[in-house]
Amino acid sequence: MKVEFDVAQKQVLDEMLLKLPGARAGKMFGFPGYWTGGKLFACLYGPGVGFKLPPQRAAEILKKPGFVPFTPRGKQMAAWVMLKPGRAADLRRFESLFRESLDYVSGLRPVARKAKPQAKTRTPA
């Protein structure tokens, strides 16, 4: 099953999020995403938009109608929620949550990446 995204939602999010200091557009999982400081804070996926919040805040938001856990490719992402708006324009009502996501993610430390193992070099005999 091929997962799509809502182009109208992307237009609304581009207008709303790309004006925020530190936000830039990119891709994640092949879908439009929004980044800050090299870290993803929001991503279009299927019928809605996933975004990251502090874990306790995400748990609060998930109790509200219209929000579900963000589970791209069937894997739930910790501290991420998905908003499934009725219409793309409804996303504007949640601008403060997207700002909260950007602020939270921009304050996170970069993820330490594992160093790639170096190739063995041969010494001449």
N, C-alpha and C. Protein backbone atom coordinates (compact mmCIF):
# COMPACT_ATOMS: atom_id res chain seq x y z
N MET A 1 0.84 -1.18 0.00
CA MET A 1 0.00 0.00 0.00
C MET A 1 0.88 1.24 0.00
N LYS A 2 0.68 2.10 -0.98
CA LYS A 2 1.46 3.32 -1.08
C LYS A 2 0.84 4.41 -0.21
N VAL A 3 1.66 5.03 0.61
CA VAL A 3 1.19 6.11 1.48
C VAL A 3 1.38 7.43 0.75
N GLU A 4 0.39 8.25 0.77
CA GLU A 4 0.43 9.56 0.13
C GLU A 4 0.47 10.64 1.21
N PHE A 5 0.45 11.89 0.79
CA PHE A 5 0.27 13.00 1.71
C PHE A 5 -0.63 14.01 1.03
N ASP A 6 -1.20 14.89 1.82
CA ASP A 6 -2.15 15.89 1.33
C ASP A 6 -1.39 17.15 0.88
N VAL A 7 -1.43 17.42 -0.43
CA VAL A 7 -0.71 18.56 -1.00
C VAL A 7 -1.25 19.88 -0.42
N ALA A 8 -2.54 19.96 -0.17
CA ALA A 8 -3.13 21.18 0.41
C ALA A 8 -2.58 21.41 1.82
N GLN A 9 -2.38 20.33 2.58
CA GLN A 9 -1.78 20.48 3.92
C GLN A 9 -0.36 21.01 3.80
N LYS A 10 0.39 20.53 2.80
CA LYS A 10 1.76 21.01 2.60
C LYS A 10 1.77 22.51 2.31
N GLN A 11 0.85 22.97 1.49
CA GLN A 11 0.80 24.40 1.17
C GLN A 11 0.55 25.23 2.42
N VAL A 12 -0.38 24.79 3.26
CA VAL A 12 -0.67 25.51 4.50
C VAL A 12 0.54 25.50 5.43
N LEU A 13 1.17 24.33 5.58
CA LEU A 13 2.33 24.23 6.46
C LEU A 13 3.51 25.05 5.94
N ASP A 14 3.73 25.04 4.63
CA ASP A 14 4.81 25.86 4.07
C ASP A 14 4.60 27.33 4.43
N GLU A 15 3.39 27.82 4.23
CA GLU A 15 3.08 29.22 4.55
C GLU A 15 3.26 29.51 6.04
N MET A 16 2.87 28.57 6.87
CA MET A 16 2.86 28.77 8.31
C MET A 16 4.24 28.55 8.94
N LEU A 17 4.94 27.50 8.53
CA LEU A 17 6.16 27.11 9.22
C LEU A 17 7.44 27.70 8.64
N LEU A 18 7.49 27.90 7.34
CA LEU A 18 8.75 28.36 6.75
C LEU A 18 9.05 29.82 7.04
N LYS A 19 8.10 30.53 7.64
CA LYS A 19 8.37 31.91 8.06
C LYS A 19 8.99 31.95 9.46
N LEU A 20 8.99 30.81 10.16
CA LEU A 20 9.52 30.77 11.52
C LEU A 20 11.04 30.74 11.50
N PRO A 21 11.68 31.50 12.38
CA PRO A 21 13.15 31.49 12.42
C PRO A 21 13.68 30.09 12.70
N GLY A 22 14.63 29.67 11.87
CA GLY A 22 15.26 28.37 12.07
C GLY A 22 14.59 27.21 11.37
N ALA A 23 13.40 27.41 10.79
CA ALA A 23 12.69 26.32 10.12
C ALA A 23 13.10 26.24 8.66
N ARG A 24 13.24 25.02 8.17
CA ARG A 24 13.51 24.82 6.74
C ARG A 24 12.78 23.57 6.28
N ALA A 25 12.51 23.53 4.99
CA ALA A 25 11.82 22.38 4.40
C ALA A 25 12.84 21.31 4.03
N GLY A 26 12.39 20.07 4.05
CA GLY A 26 13.23 18.94 3.66
C GLY A 26 12.36 17.72 3.46
N LYS A 27 12.96 16.56 3.52
CA LYS A 27 12.21 15.30 3.35
C LYS A 27 12.58 14.33 4.46
N MET A 28 11.60 13.50 4.82
CA MET A 28 11.81 12.39 5.75
C MET A 28 10.91 11.26 5.29
N PHE A 29 11.44 10.08 5.20
CA PHE A 29 10.69 8.92 4.70
C PHE A 29 10.18 9.19 3.27
N GLY A 30 10.80 10.13 2.54
CA GLY A 30 10.34 10.49 1.21
C GLY A 30 9.16 11.45 1.22
N PHE A 31 8.80 11.96 2.39
CA PHE A 31 7.67 12.88 2.54
C PHE A 31 8.16 14.26 2.95
N PRO A 32 7.38 15.30 2.67
CA PRO A 32 7.78 16.64 3.09
C PRO A 32 7.92 16.71 4.61
N GLY A 33 9.01 17.32 5.03
CA GLY A 33 9.25 17.49 6.46
C GLY A 33 9.74 18.90 6.74
N TYR A 34 9.78 19.23 8.01
CA TYR A 34 10.21 20.56 8.45
C TYR A 34 11.26 20.36 9.53
N TRP A 35 12.37 21.02 9.34
CA TRP A 35 13.58 20.80 10.13
C TRP A 35 14.01 22.07 10.85
N THR A 36 14.73 21.89 11.93
CA THR A 36 15.38 23.00 12.62
C THR A 36 16.70 22.47 13.17
N GLY A 37 17.78 23.18 12.89
CA GLY A 37 19.08 22.76 13.40
C GLY A 37 19.46 21.34 13.03
N GLY A 38 19.06 20.87 11.85
CA GLY A 38 19.39 19.53 11.41
C GLY A 38 18.52 18.44 12.01
N LYS A 39 17.45 18.83 12.71
CA LYS A 39 16.56 17.85 13.35
C LYS A 39 15.13 18.05 12.86
N LEU A 40 14.45 16.96 12.61
CA LEU A 40 13.07 16.99 12.14
C LEU A 40 12.13 17.36 13.28
N PHE A 41 11.21 18.32 13.03
CA PHE A 41 10.22 18.63 14.05
C PHE A 41 8.79 18.38 13.58
N ALA A 42 8.57 18.26 12.27
CA ALA A 42 7.22 17.97 11.75
C ALA A 42 7.36 17.29 10.40
N CYS A 43 6.38 16.44 10.07
CA CYS A 43 6.44 15.67 8.82
C CYS A 43 5.03 15.34 8.34
N LEU A 44 4.76 15.59 7.07
CA LEU A 44 3.51 15.15 6.47
C LEU A 44 3.60 13.66 6.22
N TYR A 45 2.53 12.95 6.52
CA TYR A 45 2.52 11.51 6.29
C TYR A 45 1.07 11.05 6.26
N GLY A 46 0.67 10.46 5.16
CA GLY A 46 -0.71 9.96 5.05
C GLY A 46 -1.72 11.08 5.23
N PRO A 47 -2.72 10.87 6.08
CA PRO A 47 -3.81 11.83 6.21
C PRO A 47 -3.53 13.01 7.13
N GLY A 48 -2.30 13.13 7.64
CA GLY A 48 -2.07 14.19 8.60
C GLY A 48 -0.62 14.62 8.71
N VAL A 49 -0.33 15.24 9.84
CA VAL A 49 0.99 15.80 10.11
C VAL A 49 1.48 15.28 11.45
N GLY A 50 2.67 14.70 11.44
CA GLY A 50 3.30 14.27 12.68
C GLY A 50 4.23 15.36 13.18
N PHE A 51 4.30 15.53 14.49
CA PHE A 51 5.24 16.50 15.04
C PHE A 51 5.66 16.07 16.44
N LYS A 52 6.85 16.52 16.83
CA LYS A 52 7.45 16.08 18.09
C LYS A 52 7.23 17.12 19.19
N LEU A 53 6.93 16.62 20.38
CA LEU A 53 6.73 17.46 21.56
C LEU A 53 7.45 16.81 22.74
N PRO A 54 7.64 17.55 23.83
CA PRO A 54 8.16 16.89 25.02
C PRO A 54 7.24 15.72 25.38
N PRO A 55 7.80 14.60 25.86
CA PRO A 55 6.98 13.40 26.10
C PRO A 55 5.71 13.64 26.92
N GLN A 56 5.80 14.39 28.00
CA GLN A 56 4.61 14.63 28.83
C GLN A 56 3.57 15.44 28.07
N ARG A 57 4.02 16.41 27.31
CA ARG A 57 3.10 17.24 26.52
C ARG A 57 2.45 16.40 25.42
N ALA A 58 3.22 15.53 24.78
CA ALA A 58 2.66 14.65 23.75
C ALA A 58 1.56 13.77 24.34
N ALA A 59 1.78 13.25 25.54
CA ALA A 59 0.77 12.41 26.20
C ALA A 59 -0.51 13.20 26.45
N GLU A 60 -0.39 14.48 26.83
CA GLU A 60 -1.57 15.34 27.03
C GLU A 60 -2.34 15.53 25.73
N ILE A 61 -1.59 15.85 24.67
CA ILE A 61 -2.20 16.15 23.37
C ILE A 61 -2.92 14.92 22.81
N LEU A 62 -2.36 13.74 23.04
CA LEU A 62 -2.98 12.51 22.51
C LEU A 62 -4.34 12.23 23.11
N LYS A 63 -4.69 12.88 24.21
CA LYS A 63 -6.00 12.70 24.82
C LYS A 63 -7.07 13.55 24.13
N LYS A 64 -6.64 14.46 23.25
CA LYS A 64 -7.58 15.37 22.58
C LYS A 64 -8.07 14.77 21.27
N PRO A 65 -9.30 15.11 20.86
CA PRO A 65 -9.82 14.60 19.59
C PRO A 65 -8.99 15.10 18.41
N GLY A 66 -8.82 14.24 17.41
CA GLY A 66 -8.09 14.60 16.21
C GLY A 66 -6.61 14.28 16.26
N PHE A 67 -6.12 13.81 17.41
CA PHE A 67 -4.71 13.48 17.57
C PHE A 67 -4.55 11.98 17.82
N VAL A 68 -3.56 11.39 17.17
CA VAL A 68 -3.25 9.97 17.35
C VAL A 68 -1.73 9.82 17.41
N PRO A 69 -1.23 8.68 17.89
CA PRO A 69 0.22 8.47 17.86
C PRO A 69 0.73 8.51 16.41
N PHE A 70 1.91 9.04 16.20
CA PHE A 70 2.52 9.09 14.88
C PHE A 70 3.25 7.77 14.64
N THR A 71 2.76 7.00 13.68
CA THR A 71 3.31 5.66 13.44
C THR A 71 3.66 5.46 11.96
N PRO A 72 4.68 6.16 11.46
CA PRO A 72 5.04 5.95 10.06
C PRO A 72 5.56 4.53 9.85
N ARG A 73 5.12 3.93 8.76
CA ARG A 73 5.51 2.56 8.41
C ARG A 73 5.23 1.58 9.55
N GLY A 74 4.21 1.89 10.36
CA GLY A 74 3.80 0.99 11.44
C GLY A 74 4.63 1.06 12.70
N LYS A 75 5.61 1.96 12.75
CA LYS A 75 6.47 2.07 13.93
C LYS A 75 6.13 3.37 14.68
N GLN A 76 5.71 3.23 15.93
CA GLN A 76 5.37 4.41 16.72
C GLN A 76 6.64 5.15 17.12
N MET A 77 6.62 6.45 16.90
CA MET A 77 7.77 7.29 17.25
C MET A 77 7.49 7.95 18.60
N ALA A 78 8.39 7.74 19.54
CA ALA A 78 8.22 8.28 20.90
C ALA A 78 8.15 9.80 20.88
N ALA A 79 7.21 10.34 21.64
CA ALA A 79 7.00 11.78 21.80
C ALA A 79 6.51 12.47 20.53
N TRP A 80 6.07 11.69 19.56
CA TRP A 80 5.50 12.25 18.34
C TRP A 80 3.99 12.02 18.35
N VAL A 81 3.27 13.00 17.86
CA VAL A 81 1.82 12.88 17.70
C VAL A 81 1.45 13.20 16.26
N MET A 82 0.30 12.73 15.83
CA MET A 82 -0.20 13.05 14.50
C MET A 82 -1.53 13.76 14.62
N LEU A 83 -1.62 14.87 13.91
CA LEU A 83 -2.86 15.63 13.82
C LEU A 83 -3.50 15.28 12.48
N LYS A 84 -4.76 14.86 12.53
CA LYS A 84 -5.51 14.55 11.32
C LYS A 84 -6.61 15.60 11.18
N PRO A 85 -6.31 16.70 10.48
CA PRO A 85 -7.31 17.77 10.36
C PRO A 85 -8.43 17.39 9.41
N GLY A 86 -9.60 17.97 9.64
CA GLY A 86 -10.72 17.75 8.73
C GLY A 86 -10.44 18.37 7.36
N ARG A 87 -9.87 19.57 7.39
CA ARG A 87 -9.50 20.29 6.17
C ARG A 87 -8.10 20.84 6.38
N ALA A 88 -7.37 21.05 5.28
CA ALA A 88 -6.01 21.57 5.39
C ALA A 88 -5.98 22.90 6.14
N ALA A 89 -6.96 23.76 5.88
CA ALA A 89 -7.00 25.07 6.54
C ALA A 89 -7.11 24.96 8.05
N ASP A 90 -7.65 23.83 8.54
CA ASP A 90 -7.77 23.63 10.00
C ASP A 90 -6.41 23.59 10.69
N LEU A 91 -5.35 23.30 9.94
CA LEU A 91 -4.01 23.26 10.53
C LEU A 91 -3.64 24.60 11.17
N ARG A 92 -4.16 25.69 10.61
CA ARG A 92 -3.82 27.02 11.14
C ARG A 92 -4.24 27.19 12.60
N ARG A 93 -5.27 26.48 13.01
CA ARG A 93 -5.72 26.57 14.41
C ARG A 93 -4.69 26.01 15.39
N PHE A 94 -3.75 25.24 14.86
CA PHE A 94 -2.76 24.57 15.71
C PHE A 94 -1.35 25.13 15.53
N GLU A 95 -1.28 26.35 14.99
CA GLU A 95 0.04 26.95 14.75
C GLU A 95 0.88 26.99 16.02
N SER A 96 0.26 27.26 17.16
CA SER A 96 1.03 27.33 18.41
C SER A 96 1.66 25.98 18.76
N LEU A 97 0.99 24.88 18.43
CA LEU A 97 1.58 23.55 18.68
C LEU A 97 2.79 23.30 17.79
N PHE A 98 2.71 23.74 16.54
CA PHE A 98 3.86 23.58 15.64
C PHE A 98 5.03 24.44 16.11
N ARG A 99 4.74 25.64 16.59
CA ARG A 99 5.81 26.49 17.15
C ARG A 99 6.41 25.82 18.39
N GLU A 100 5.56 25.24 19.21
CA GLU A 100 6.03 24.53 20.41
C GLU A 100 6.95 23.37 20.00
N SER A 101 6.59 22.67 18.95
CA SER A 101 7.41 21.58 18.45
C SER A 101 8.77 22.09 17.98
N LEU A 102 8.77 23.14 17.17
CA LEU A 102 10.02 23.71 16.69
C LEU A 102 10.89 24.15 17.86
N ASP A 103 10.31 24.85 18.82
CA ASP A 103 11.08 25.32 19.98
C ASP A 103 11.66 24.15 20.76
N TYR A 104 10.87 23.11 20.97
CA TYR A 104 11.33 21.95 21.72
C TYR A 104 12.48 21.26 20.99
N VAL A 105 12.29 20.98 19.71
CA VAL A 105 13.30 20.25 18.95
C VAL A 105 14.57 21.08 18.78
N SER A 106 14.44 22.38 18.61
CA SER A 106 15.64 23.20 18.44
C SER A 106 16.49 23.22 19.71
N GLY A 107 15.88 22.92 20.85
CA GLY A 107 16.62 22.89 22.11
C GLY A 107 17.22 21.53 22.44
N LEU A 108 16.93 20.51 21.63
CA LEU A 108 17.46 19.17 21.89
C LEU A 108 18.92 19.09 21.44
N ARG A 109 19.69 18.31 22.14
CA ARG A 109 21.07 18.09 21.73
C ARG A 109 21.09 17.23 20.48
N PRO A 110 22.09 17.46 19.64
CA PRO A 110 22.21 16.60 18.45
C PRO A 110 22.40 15.14 18.86
N VAL A 111 21.87 14.26 18.05
CA VAL A 111 22.01 12.83 18.30
C VAL A 111 23.44 12.43 17.94
N ALA A 112 24.11 11.74 18.85
CA ALA A 112 25.46 11.26 18.58
C ALA A 112 25.38 10.13 17.56
N ARG A 113 26.10 10.29 16.50
CA ARG A 113 26.10 9.26 15.45
C ARG A 113 27.30 8.34 15.67
N LYS A 114 27.07 7.07 15.41
CA LYS A 114 28.15 6.10 15.53
C LYS A 114 29.16 6.34 14.42
N ALA A 115 30.43 6.27 14.78
CA ALA A 115 31.48 6.42 13.78
C ALA A 115 31.50 5.19 12.88
N LYS A 116 31.71 5.43 11.60
CA LYS A 116 31.80 4.32 10.67
C LYS A 116 33.14 3.62 10.89
N PRO A 117 33.13 2.30 10.86
CA PRO A 117 34.40 1.59 11.02
C PRO A 117 35.33 1.91 9.86
N GLN A 118 36.59 2.10 10.18
CA GLN A 118 37.55 2.41 9.13
C GLN A 118 37.96 1.13 8.42
N ALA A 119 38.18 1.26 7.14
CA ALA A 119 38.61 0.11 6.35
C ALA A 119 40.03 -0.26 6.76
N LYS A 120 40.28 -1.55 6.78
CA LYS A 120 41.62 -2.02 7.12
C LYS A 120 42.55 -1.71 5.96
N THR A 121 43.74 -1.27 6.30
CA THR A 121 44.73 -1.01 5.25
C THR A 121 45.75 -2.13 5.27
N ARG A 122 46.14 -2.50 4.11
CA ARG A 122 47.15 -3.56 4.00
C ARG A 122 48.54 -2.93 3.92
N THR A 123 49.45 -3.57 4.58
CA THR A 123 50.83 -3.11 4.48
C THR A 123 51.55 -4.03 3.50
N PRO A 124 52.38 -3.44 2.65
CA PRO A 124 53.09 -4.28 1.67
C PRO A 124 54.03 -5.26 2.37
N ALA A 125 54.17 -6.44 1.81
CA ALA A 125 55.02 -7.48 2.41
C ALA A 125 56.46 -7.30 2.10
